[in-house]
Amino acid sequence: AEKIKAITDLYDSIDVKACCENKIREYYEKGMECLEAV
């Protein structure tokens, strides 16, 4: 539990959650554009 909290706190302070969310959105939108082209 201590390791999970420490690493999660580091992720929060480095703001990698938003970075990952943006990358998810990028690939999701690329995929949906391909579906639109069908």
PDB file of all heavy atoms in Angstrom:
ATOM      1  N   ALA A   1       0.831  -1.214   0.000  1.00  0.00           N
ATOM      2  CA  ALA A   1       0.000   0.000   0.000  1.00  0.00           C
ATOM      3  C   ALA A   1       0.860   1.256   0.000  1.00  0.00           C
ATOM      4  O   ALA A   1       0.509   2.264  -0.631  1.00  0.00           O
ATOM      5  CB  ALA A   1      -0.932  -0.008   1.206  1.00  0.00           C
ATOM      6  N   GLU A   2       1.992   1.177   0.682  1.00  0.00           N
ATOM      7  CA  GLU A   2       2.886   2.340   0.748  1.00  0.00           C
ATOM      8  C   GLU A   2       3.496   2.629  -0.625  1.00  0.00           C
ATOM      9  O   GLU A   2       3.574   3.791  -1.060  1.00  0.00           O
ATOM     10  CB  GLU A   2       3.988   2.089   1.772  1.00  0.00           C
ATOM     11  CG  GLU A   2       4.927   3.280   1.969  1.00  0.00           C
ATOM     12  CD  GLU A   2       6.073   2.990   2.927  1.00  0.00           C
ATOM     13  OE1 GLU A   2       6.217   1.823   3.351  1.00  0.00           O
ATOM     14  OE2 GLU A   2       6.835   3.933   3.229  1.00  0.00           O
ATOM     15  N   LYS A   3       3.919   1.573  -1.322  1.00  0.00           N
ATOM     16  CA  LYS A   3       4.509   1.766  -2.645  1.00  0.00           C
ATOM     17  C   LYS A   3       3.466   2.296  -3.623  1.00  0.00           C
ATOM     18  O   LYS A   3       3.753   3.213  -4.410  1.00  0.00           O
ATOM     19  CB  LYS A   3       5.107   0.459  -3.165  1.00  0.00           C
ATOM     20  CG  LYS A   3       5.718   0.600  -4.566  1.00  0.00           C
ATOM     21  CD  LYS A   3       6.458  -0.650  -4.998  1.00  0.00           C
ATOM     22  CE  LYS A   3       7.045  -0.473  -6.399  1.00  0.00           C
ATOM     23  NZ  LYS A   3       7.856  -1.627  -6.833  1.00  0.00           N
ATOM     24  N   ILE A   4       2.281   1.737  -3.593  1.00  0.00           N
ATOM     25  CA  ILE A   4       1.228   2.197  -4.502  1.00  0.00           C
ATOM     26  C   ILE A   4       0.930   3.674  -4.273  1.00  0.00           C
ATOM     27  O   ILE A   4       0.823   4.450  -5.235  1.00  0.00           O
ATOM     28  CB  ILE A   4      -0.050   1.344  -4.324  1.00  0.00           C
ATOM     29  CG1 ILE A   4       0.182  -0.080  -4.838  1.00  0.00           C
ATOM     30  CG2 ILE A   4      -1.226   1.976  -5.065  1.00  0.00           C
ATOM     31  CD1 ILE A   4      -0.920  -1.062  -4.477  1.00  0.00           C
ATOM     32  N   LYS A   5       0.817   4.064  -3.004  1.00  0.00           N
ATOM     33  CA  LYS A   5       0.518   5.477  -2.705  1.00  0.00           C
ATOM     34  C   LYS A   5       1.664   6.379  -3.148  1.00  0.00           C
ATOM     35  O   LYS A   5       1.437   7.449  -3.731  1.00  0.00           O
ATOM     36  CB  LYS A   5       0.252   5.669  -1.218  1.00  0.00           C
ATOM     37  CG  LYS A   5      -0.141   7.112  -0.871  1.00  0.00           C
ATOM     38  CD  LYS A   5      -0.422   7.289   0.597  1.00  0.00           C
ATOM     39  CE  LYS A   5      -0.953   8.706   0.879  1.00  0.00           C
ATOM     40  NZ  LYS A   5      -0.105   9.777   0.321  1.00  0.00           N
ATOM     41  N   ALA A   6       2.903   5.975  -2.865  1.00  0.00           N
ATOM     42  CA  ALA A   6       4.057   6.815  -3.210  1.00  0.00           C
ATOM     43  C   ALA A   6       4.167   7.014  -4.723  1.00  0.00           C
ATOM     44  O   ALA A   6       4.376   8.143  -5.199  1.00  0.00           O
ATOM     45  CB  ALA A   6       5.337   6.187  -2.662  1.00  0.00           C
ATOM     46  N   ILE A   7       4.024   5.928  -5.491  1.00  0.00           N
ATOM     47  CA  ILE A   7       4.122   6.043  -6.947  1.00  0.00           C
ATOM     48  C   ILE A   7       2.944   6.838  -7.502  1.00  0.00           C
ATOM     49  O   ILE A   7       3.110   7.681  -8.405  1.00  0.00           O
ATOM     50  CB  ILE A   7       4.180   4.648  -7.603  1.00  0.00           C
ATOM     51  CG1 ILE A   7       5.444   3.898  -7.192  1.00  0.00           C
ATOM     52  CG2 ILE A   7       4.087   4.759  -9.117  1.00  0.00           C
ATOM     53  CD1 ILE A   7       6.717   4.395  -7.811  1.00  0.00           C
ATOM     54  N   THR A   8       1.745   6.604  -6.962  1.00  0.00           N
ATOM     55  CA  THR A   8       0.576   7.354  -7.424  1.00  0.00           C
ATOM     56  C   THR A   8       0.736   8.837  -7.150  1.00  0.00           C
ATOM     57  O   THR A   8       0.402   9.685  -7.991  1.00  0.00           O
ATOM     58  CB  THR A   8      -0.710   6.825  -6.763  1.00  0.00           C
ATOM     59  OG1 THR A   8      -0.847   5.428  -7.047  1.00  0.00           O
ATOM     60  CG2 THR A   8      -1.936   7.557  -7.289  1.00  0.00           C
ATOM     61  N   ASP A   9       1.264   9.169  -5.975  1.00  0.00           N
ATOM     62  CA  ASP A   9       1.516  10.586  -5.651  1.00  0.00           C
ATOM     63  C   ASP A   9       2.513  11.199  -6.629  1.00  0.00           C
ATOM     64  O   ASP A   9       2.366  12.365  -7.047  1.00  0.00           O
ATOM     65  CB  ASP A   9       2.042  10.725  -4.220  1.00  0.00           C
ATOM     66  CG  ASP A   9       0.961  10.474  -3.170  1.00  0.00           C
ATOM     67  OD1 ASP A   9      -0.235  10.459  -3.539  1.00  0.00           O
ATOM     68  OD2 ASP A   9       1.312  10.292  -1.986  1.00  0.00           O
ATOM     69  N   LEU A  10       3.530  10.430  -7.006  1.00  0.00           N
ATOM     70  CA  LEU A  10       4.495  10.921  -7.995  1.00  0.00           C
ATOM     71  C   LEU A  10       3.815  11.124  -9.348  1.00  0.00           C
ATOM     72  O   LEU A  10       4.050  12.138 -10.020  1.00  0.00           O
ATOM     73  CB  LEU A  10       5.659   9.939  -8.129  1.00  0.00           C
ATOM     74  CG  LEU A  10       6.717   9.996  -7.017  1.00  0.00           C
ATOM     75  CD1 LEU A  10       7.586   8.759  -7.033  1.00  0.00           C
ATOM     76  CD2 LEU A  10       7.571  11.254  -7.165  1.00  0.00           C
ATOM     77  N   TYR A  11       2.976  10.173  -9.748  1.00  0.00           N
ATOM     78  CA  TYR A  11       2.239  10.330 -11.003  1.00  0.00           C
ATOM     79  C   TYR A  11       1.396  11.604 -10.972  1.00  0.00           C
ATOM     80  O   TYR A  11       1.316  12.336 -11.971  1.00  0.00           O
ATOM     81  CB  TYR A  11       1.331   9.125 -11.240  1.00  0.00           C
ATOM     82  CG  TYR A  11       2.035   7.845 -11.658  1.00  0.00           C
ATOM     83  CD1 TYR A  11       1.328   6.636 -11.711  1.00  0.00           C
ATOM     84  CD2 TYR A  11       3.384   7.818 -12.005  1.00  0.00           C
ATOM     85  CE1 TYR A  11       1.944   5.463 -12.109  1.00  0.00           C
ATOM     86  CE2 TYR A  11       4.005   6.638 -12.376  1.00  0.00           C
ATOM     87  CZ  TYR A  11       3.280   5.469 -12.428  1.00  0.00           C
ATOM     88  OH  TYR A  11       3.892   4.296 -12.809  1.00  0.00           O
ATOM     89  N   ASP A  12       0.774  11.864  -9.828  1.00  0.00           N
ATOM     90  CA  ASP A  12      -0.053  13.074  -9.702  1.00  0.00           C
ATOM     91  C   ASP A  12       0.793  14.327  -9.843  1.00  0.00           C
ATOM     92  O   ASP A  12       0.405  15.273 -10.553  1.00  0.00           O
ATOM     93  CB  ASP A  12      -0.776  13.083  -8.349  1.00  0.00           C
ATOM     94  CG  ASP A  12      -1.857  12.028  -8.241  1.00  0.00           C
ATOM     95  OD1 ASP A  12      -2.288  11.509  -9.293  1.00  0.00           O
ATOM     96  OD2 ASP A  12      -2.275  11.724  -7.103  1.00  0.00           O
ATOM     97  N   SER A  13       1.929  14.348  -9.176  1.00  0.00           N
ATOM     98  CA  SER A  13       2.764  15.555  -9.202  1.00  0.00           C
ATOM     99  C   SER A  13       3.418  15.772 -10.567  1.00  0.00           C
ATOM    100  O   SER A  13       3.669  16.907 -10.980  1.00  0.00           O
ATOM    101  CB  SER A  13       3.842  15.484  -8.106  1.00  0.00           C
ATOM    102  OG  SER A  13       4.711  14.390  -8.316  1.00  0.00           O
ATOM    103  N   ILE A  14       3.675  14.692 -11.291  1.00  0.00           N
ATOM    104  CA  ILE A  14       4.269  14.801 -12.632  1.00  0.00           C
ATOM    105  C   ILE A  14       3.186  15.008 -13.694  1.00  0.00           C
ATOM    106  O   ILE A  14       3.463  15.373 -14.833  1.00  0.00           O
ATOM    107  CB  ILE A  14       5.116  13.543 -12.941  1.00  0.00           C
ATOM    108  CG1 ILE A  14       6.224  13.386 -11.893  1.00  0.00           C
ATOM    109  CG2 ILE A  14       5.751  13.619 -14.324  1.00  0.00           C
ATOM    110  CD1 ILE A  14       6.963  12.056 -11.956  1.00  0.00           C
ATOM    111  N   ASP A  15       1.929  14.762 -13.307  1.00  0.00           N
ATOM    112  CA  ASP A  15       0.758  14.973 -14.170  1.00  0.00           C
ATOM    113  C   ASP A  15       0.739  14.025 -15.362  1.00  0.00           C
ATOM    114  O   ASP A  15       0.408  14.416 -16.482  1.00  0.00           O
ATOM    115  CB  ASP A  15       0.687  16.424 -14.650  1.00  0.00           C
ATOM    116  CG  ASP A  15      -0.728  16.815 -15.116  1.00  0.00           C
ATOM    117  OD1 ASP A  15      -1.682  16.164 -14.667  1.00  0.00           O
ATOM    118  OD2 ASP A  15      -0.851  17.743 -15.926  1.00  0.00           O
ATOM    119  N   VAL A  16       1.074  12.765 -15.100  1.00  0.00           N
ATOM    120  CA  VAL A  16       1.045  11.801 -16.202  1.00  0.00           C
ATOM    121  C   VAL A  16      -0.372  11.287 -16.463  1.00  0.00           C
ATOM    122  O   VAL A  16      -0.633  10.730 -17.543  1.00  0.00           O
ATOM    123  CB  VAL A  16       2.005  10.614 -15.957  1.00  0.00           C
ATOM    124  CG1 VAL A  16       3.442  11.073 -16.002  1.00  0.00           C
ATOM    125  CG2 VAL A  16       1.689   9.898 -14.659  1.00  0.00           C
ATOM    126  N   LYS A  17      -1.285  11.462 -15.520  1.00  0.00           N
ATOM    127  CA  LYS A  17      -2.661  11.018 -15.759  1.00  0.00           C
ATOM    128  C   LYS A  17      -3.255  11.775 -16.951  1.00  0.00           C
ATOM    129  O   LYS A  17      -3.830  11.171 -17.870  1.00  0.00           O
ATOM    130  CB  LYS A  17      -3.529  11.234 -14.522  1.00  0.00           C
ATOM    131  CG  LYS A  17      -4.969  10.760 -14.707  1.00  0.00           C
ATOM    132  CD  LYS A  17      -5.829  11.036 -13.479  1.00  0.00           C
ATOM    133  CE  LYS A  17      -7.260  10.550 -13.708  1.00  0.00           C
ATOM    134  NZ  LYS A  17      -8.158  10.889 -12.588  1.00  0.00           N
ATOM    135  N   ALA A  18      -3.116  13.108 -16.938  1.00  0.00           N
ATOM    136  CA  ALA A  18      -3.646  13.910 -18.043  1.00  0.00           C
ATOM    137  C   ALA A  18      -2.947  13.570 -19.349  1.00  0.00           C
ATOM    138  O   ALA A  18      -3.574  13.519 -20.418  1.00  0.00           O
ATOM    139  CB  ALA A  18      -3.480  15.394 -17.731  1.00  0.00           C
ATOM    140  N   CYS A  19      -1.654  13.286 -19.268  1.00  0.00           N
ATOM    141  CA  CYS A  19      -0.887  12.910 -20.459  1.00  0.00           C
ATOM    142  C   CYS A  19      -1.448  11.625 -21.066  1.00  0.00           C
ATOM    143  O   CYS A  19      -1.640  11.517 -22.283  1.00  0.00           O
ATOM    144  CB  CYS A  19       0.573  12.732 -20.061  1.00  0.00           C
ATOM    145  SG  CYS A  19       1.688  12.462 -21.447  1.00  0.00           S
ATOM    146  N   CYS A  20      -1.742  10.646 -20.205  1.00  0.00           N
ATOM    147  CA  CYS A  20      -2.289   9.378 -20.664  1.00  0.00           C
ATOM    148  C   CYS A  20      -3.704   9.566 -21.216  1.00  0.00           C
ATOM    149  O   CYS A  20      -4.050   9.005 -22.256  1.00  0.00           O
ATOM    150  CB  CYS A  20      -2.280   8.372 -19.517  1.00  0.00           C
ATOM    151  SG  CYS A  20      -2.721   6.690 -20.008  1.00  0.00           S
ATOM    152  N   GLU A  21      -4.515  10.359 -20.535  1.00  0.00           N
ATOM    153  CA  GLU A  21      -5.875  10.618 -21.003  1.00  0.00           C
ATOM    154  C   GLU A  21      -5.874  11.265 -22.382  1.00  0.00           C
ATOM    155  O   GLU A  21      -6.706  10.928 -23.241  1.00  0.00           O
ATOM    156  CB  GLU A  21      -6.614  11.499 -20.003  1.00  0.00           C
ATOM    157  CG  GLU A  21      -6.980  10.780 -18.714  1.00  0.00           C
ATOM    158  CD  GLU A  21      -7.523  11.716 -17.648  1.00  0.00           C
ATOM    159  OE1 GLU A  21      -7.203  12.927 -17.696  1.00  0.00           O
ATOM    160  OE2 GLU A  21      -8.256  11.227 -16.756  1.00  0.00           O
ATOM    161  N   ASN A  22      -4.946  12.183 -22.612  1.00  0.00           N
ATOM    162  CA  ASN A  22      -4.849  12.829 -23.920  1.00  0.00           C
ATOM    163  C   ASN A  22      -4.454  11.839 -25.009  1.00  0.00           C
ATOM    164  O   ASN A  22      -4.965  11.888 -26.138  1.00  0.00           O
ATOM    165  CB  ASN A  22      -3.821  13.967 -23.868  1.00  0.00           C
ATOM    166  CG  ASN A  22      -4.307  15.146 -23.061  1.00  0.00           C
ATOM    167  OD1 ASN A  22      -5.512  15.348 -22.885  1.00  0.00           O
ATOM    168  ND2 ASN A  22      -3.390  15.942 -22.536  1.00  0.00           N
ATOM    169  N   LYS A  23      -3.553  10.916 -24.664  1.00  0.00           N
ATOM    170  CA  LYS A  23      -3.112   9.919 -25.648  1.00  0.00           C
ATOM    171  C   LYS A  23      -4.249   8.933 -25.953  1.00  0.00           C
ATOM    172  O   LYS A  23      -4.441   8.533 -27.116  1.00  0.00           O
ATOM    173  CB  LYS A  23      -1.886   9.174 -25.120  1.00  0.00           C
ATOM    174  CG  LYS A  23      -1.192   8.298 -26.128  1.00  0.00           C
ATOM    175  CD  LYS A  23      -0.696   9.055 -27.341  1.00  0.00           C
ATOM    176  CE  LYS A  23       0.372  10.064 -27.050  1.00  0.00           C
ATOM    177  NZ  LYS A  23       0.960  10.647 -28.278  1.00  0.00           N
ATOM    178  N   ILE A  24      -5.001   8.549 -24.935  1.00  0.00           N
ATOM    179  CA  ILE A  24      -6.166   7.685 -25.148  1.00  0.00           C
ATOM    180  C   ILE A  24      -7.137   8.354 -26.105  1.00  0.00           C
ATOM    181  O   ILE A  24      -7.625   7.745 -27.062  1.00  0.00           O
ATOM    182  CB  ILE A  24      -6.870   7.377 -23.807  1.00  0.00           C
ATOM    183  CG1 ILE A  24      -5.999   6.474 -22.933  1.00  0.00           C
ATOM    184  CG2 ILE A  24      -8.238   6.718 -24.053  1.00  0.00           C
ATOM    185  CD1 ILE A  24      -6.468   6.363 -21.501  1.00  0.00           C
ATOM    186  N   ARG A  25      -7.425   9.632 -25.853  1.00  0.00           N
ATOM    187  CA  ARG A  25      -8.364  10.380 -26.689  1.00  0.00           C
ATOM    188  C   ARG A  25      -7.842  10.462 -28.128  1.00  0.00           C
ATOM    189  O   ARG A  25      -8.613  10.330 -29.088  1.00  0.00           O
ATOM    190  CB  ARG A  25      -8.558  11.785 -26.108  1.00  0.00           C
ATOM    191  CG  ARG A  25      -9.718  12.575 -26.720  1.00  0.00           C
ATOM    192  CD  ARG A  25      -9.909  13.902 -26.024  1.00  0.00           C
ATOM    193  NE  ARG A  25     -10.108  13.737 -24.585  1.00  0.00           N
ATOM    194  CZ  ARG A  25      -9.224  14.094 -23.652  1.00  0.00           C
ATOM    195  NH1 ARG A  25      -8.085  14.651 -23.991  1.00  0.00           N
ATOM    196  NH2 ARG A  25      -9.480  13.900 -22.370  1.00  0.00           N
ATOM    197  N   GLU A  26      -6.552  10.656 -28.278  1.00  0.00           N
ATOM    198  CA  GLU A  26      -5.951  10.769 -29.611  1.00  0.00           C
ATOM    199  C   GLU A  26      -6.174   9.491 -30.417  1.00  0.00           C
ATOM    200  O   GLU A  26      -6.605   9.544 -31.575  1.00  0.00           O
ATOM    201  CB  GLU A  26      -4.452  11.047 -29.465  1.00  0.00           C
ATOM    202  CG  GLU A  26      -3.681  11.065 -30.776  1.00  0.00           C
ATOM    203  CD  GLU A  26      -2.179  11.170 -30.558  1.00  0.00           C
ATOM    204  OE1 GLU A  26      -1.750  11.784 -29.546  1.00  0.00           O
ATOM    205  OE2 GLU A  26      -1.428  10.608 -31.383  1.00  0.00           O
ATOM    206  N   TYR A  27      -5.892   8.341 -29.816  1.00  0.00           N
ATOM    207  CA  TYR A  27      -6.046   7.082 -30.547  1.00  0.00           C
ATOM    208  C   TYR A  27      -7.516   6.726 -30.742  1.00  0.00           C
ATOM    209  O   TYR A  27      -7.892   6.173 -31.789  1.00  0.00           O
ATOM    210  CB  TYR A  27      -5.297   5.952 -29.835  1.00  0.00           C
ATOM    211  CG  TYR A  27      -3.816   5.978 -30.131  1.00  0.00           C
ATOM    212  CD1 TYR A  27      -2.892   6.418 -29.182  1.00  0.00           C
ATOM    213  CD2 TYR A  27      -3.332   5.594 -31.385  1.00  0.00           C
ATOM    214  CE1 TYR A  27      -1.538   6.458 -29.459  1.00  0.00           C
ATOM    215  CE2 TYR A  27      -1.976   5.635 -31.676  1.00  0.00           C
ATOM    216  CZ  TYR A  27      -1.082   6.069 -30.710  1.00  0.00           C
ATOM    217  OH  TYR A  27       0.261   6.129 -30.997  1.00  0.00           O
ATOM    218  N   TYR A  28      -8.332   7.027 -29.759  1.00  0.00           N
ATOM    219  CA  TYR A  28      -9.767   6.769 -29.906  1.00  0.00           C
ATOM    220  C   TYR A  28     -10.335   7.577 -31.076  1.00  0.00           C
ATOM    221  O   TYR A  28     -11.080   7.047 -31.908  1.00  0.00           O
ATOM    222  CB  TYR A  28     -10.491   7.130 -28.610  1.00  0.00           C
ATOM    223  CG  TYR A  28     -11.997   6.972 -28.686  1.00  0.00           C
ATOM    224  CD1 TYR A  28     -12.596   5.722 -28.594  1.00  0.00           C
ATOM    225  CD2 TYR A  28     -12.821   8.078 -28.856  1.00  0.00           C
ATOM    226  CE1 TYR A  28     -13.973   5.569 -28.674  1.00  0.00           C
ATOM    227  CE2 TYR A  28     -14.201   7.945 -28.936  1.00  0.00           C
ATOM    228  CZ  TYR A  28     -14.766   6.687 -28.837  1.00  0.00           C
ATOM    229  OH  TYR A  28     -16.134   6.544 -28.918  1.00  0.00           O
ATOM    230  N   GLU A  29      -9.971   8.840 -31.166  1.00  0.00           N
ATOM    231  CA  GLU A  29     -10.477   9.686 -32.247  1.00  0.00           C
ATOM    232  C   GLU A  29      -9.958   9.223 -33.604  1.00  0.00           C
ATOM    233  O   GLU A  29     -10.690   9.255 -34.604  1.00  0.00           O
ATOM    234  CB  GLU A  29     -10.108  11.144 -31.981  1.00  0.00           C
ATOM    235  CG  GLU A  29     -10.902  11.744 -30.814  1.00  0.00           C
ATOM    236  CD  GLU A  29     -10.450  13.142 -30.437  1.00  0.00           C
ATOM    237  OE1 GLU A  29      -9.449  13.630 -31.029  1.00  0.00           O
ATOM    238  OE2 GLU A  29     -11.088  13.744 -29.546  1.00  0.00           O
ATOM    239  N   LYS A  30      -8.703   8.781 -33.660  1.00  0.00           N
ATOM    240  CA  LYS A  30      -8.176   8.226 -34.917  1.00  0.00           C
ATOM    241  C   LYS A  30      -8.996   7.013 -35.345  1.00  0.00           C
ATOM    242  O   LYS A  30      -9.325   6.843 -36.525  1.00  0.00           O
ATOM    243  CB  LYS A  30      -6.708   7.807 -34.744  1.00  0.00           C
ATOM    244  CG  LYS A  30      -5.700   8.946 -34.776  1.00  0.00           C
ATOM    245  CD  LYS A  30      -4.293   8.377 -34.673  1.00  0.00           C
ATOM    246  CE  LYS A  30      -3.238   9.471 -34.774  1.00  0.00           C
ATOM    247  NZ  LYS A  30      -1.864   8.905 -34.679  1.00  0.00           N
ATOM    248  N   GLY A  31      -9.305   6.152 -34.385  1.00  0.00           N
ATOM    249  CA  GLY A  31     -10.098   4.976 -34.688  1.00  0.00           C
ATOM    250  C   GLY A  31     -11.480   5.328 -35.199  1.00  0.00           C
ATOM    251  O   GLY A  31     -11.952   4.760 -36.196  1.00  0.00           O
ATOM    252  N   MET A  32     -12.133   6.282 -34.552  1.00  0.00           N
ATOM    253  CA  MET A  32     -13.479   6.657 -34.960  1.00  0.00           C
ATOM    254  C   MET A  32     -13.479   7.330 -36.332  1.00  0.00           C
ATOM    255  O   MET A  32     -14.435   7.183 -37.100  1.00  0.00           O
ATOM    256  CB  MET A  32     -14.114   7.574 -33.910  1.00  0.00           C
ATOM    257  CG  MET A  32     -14.283   6.911 -32.541  1.00  0.00           C
ATOM    258  SD  MET A  32     -15.055   5.268 -32.568  1.00  0.00           S
ATOM    259  CE  MET A  32     -16.753   5.719 -32.908  1.00  0.00           C
ATOM    260  N   GLU A  33     -12.407   8.036 -36.670  1.00  0.00           N
ATOM    261  CA  GLU A  33     -12.289   8.610 -38.014  1.00  0.00           C
ATOM    262  C   GLU A  33     -12.226   7.505 -39.069  1.00  0.00           C
ATOM    263  O   GLU A  33     -12.816   7.639 -40.156  1.00  0.00           O
ATOM    264  CB  GLU A  33     -11.033   9.489 -38.097  1.00  0.00           C
ATOM    265  CG  GLU A  33     -11.161  10.820 -37.359  1.00  0.00           C
ATOM    266  CD  GLU A  33      -9.844  11.573 -37.291  1.00  0.00           C
ATOM    267  OE1 GLU A  33      -8.860  11.111 -37.931  1.00  0.00           O
ATOM    268  OE2 GLU A  33      -9.786  12.602 -36.594  1.00  0.00           O
ATOM    269  N   CYS A  34     -11.521   6.412 -38.739  1.00  0.00           N
ATOM    270  CA  CYS A  34     -11.447   5.288 -39.682  1.00  0.00           C
ATOM    271  C   CYS A  34     -12.817   4.637 -39.843  1.00  0.00           C
ATOM    272  O   CYS A  34     -13.198   4.246 -40.958  1.00  0.00           O
ATOM    273  CB  CYS A  34     -10.425   4.261 -39.205  1.00  0.00           C
ATOM    274  SG  CYS A  34      -8.717   4.843 -39.277  1.00  0.00           S
ATOM    275  N   LEU A  35     -13.565   4.523 -38.745  1.00  0.00           N
ATOM    276  CA  LEU A  35     -14.906   3.945 -38.836  1.00  0.00           C
ATOM    277  C   LEU A  35     -15.813   4.839 -39.675  1.00  0.00           C
ATOM    278  O   LEU A  35     -16.636   4.339 -40.459  1.00  0.00           O
ATOM    279  CB  LEU A  35     -15.492   3.749 -37.438  1.00  0.00           C
ATOM    280  CG  LEU A  35     -16.879   3.096 -37.372  1.00  0.00           C
ATOM    281  CD1 LEU A  35     -16.896   1.740 -38.055  1.00  0.00           C
ATOM    282  CD2 LEU A  35     -17.342   2.973 -35.919  1.00  0.00           C
ATOM    283  N   GLU A  36     -15.668   6.145 -39.533  1.00  0.00           N
ATOM    284  CA  GLU A  36     -16.462   7.077 -40.346  1.00  0.00           C
ATOM    285  C   GLU A  36     -16.197   6.875 -41.837  1.00  0.00           C
ATOM    286  O   GLU A  36     -17.093   7.065 -42.663  1.00  0.00           O
ATOM    287  CB  GLU A  36     -16.136   8.524 -39.963  1.00  0.00           C
ATOM    288  CG  GLU A  36     -16.675   8.974 -38.609  1.00  0.00           C
ATOM    289  CD  GLU A  36     -18.188   9.065 -38.579  1.00  0.00           C
ATOM    290  OE1 GLU A  36     -18.820   9.087 -39.652  1.00  0.00           O
ATOM    291  OE2 GLU A  36     -18.746   9.077 -37.466  1.00  0.00           O
ATOM    292  N   ALA A  37     -14.977   6.465 -42.177  1.00  0.00           N
ATOM    293  CA  ALA A  37     -14.603   6.308 -43.587  1.00  0.00           C
ATOM    294  C   ALA A  37     -15.152   5.022 -44.206  1.00  0.00           C
ATOM    295  O   ALA A  37     -15.082   4.841 -45.418  1.00  0.00           O
ATOM    296  CB  ALA A  37     -13.081   6.332 -43.724  1.00  0.00           C
ATOM    297  N   VAL A  38     -15.687   4.127 -43.378  1.00  0.00           N
ATOM    298  CA  VAL A  38     -16.255   2.874 -43.904  1.00  0.00           C
ATOM    299  C   VAL A  38     -17.547   3.203 -44.649  1.00  0.00           C
ATOM    300  O   VAL A  38     -18.419   3.919 -44.147  1.00  0.00           O
ATOM    301  CB  VAL A  38     -16.521   1.881 -42.755  1.00  0.00           C
ATOM    302  CG1 VAL A  38     -17.260   0.651 -43.264  1.00  0.00           C
ATOM    303  CG2 VAL A  38     -15.201   1.475 -42.094  1.00  0.00           C
TER     304      VAL A  38
END
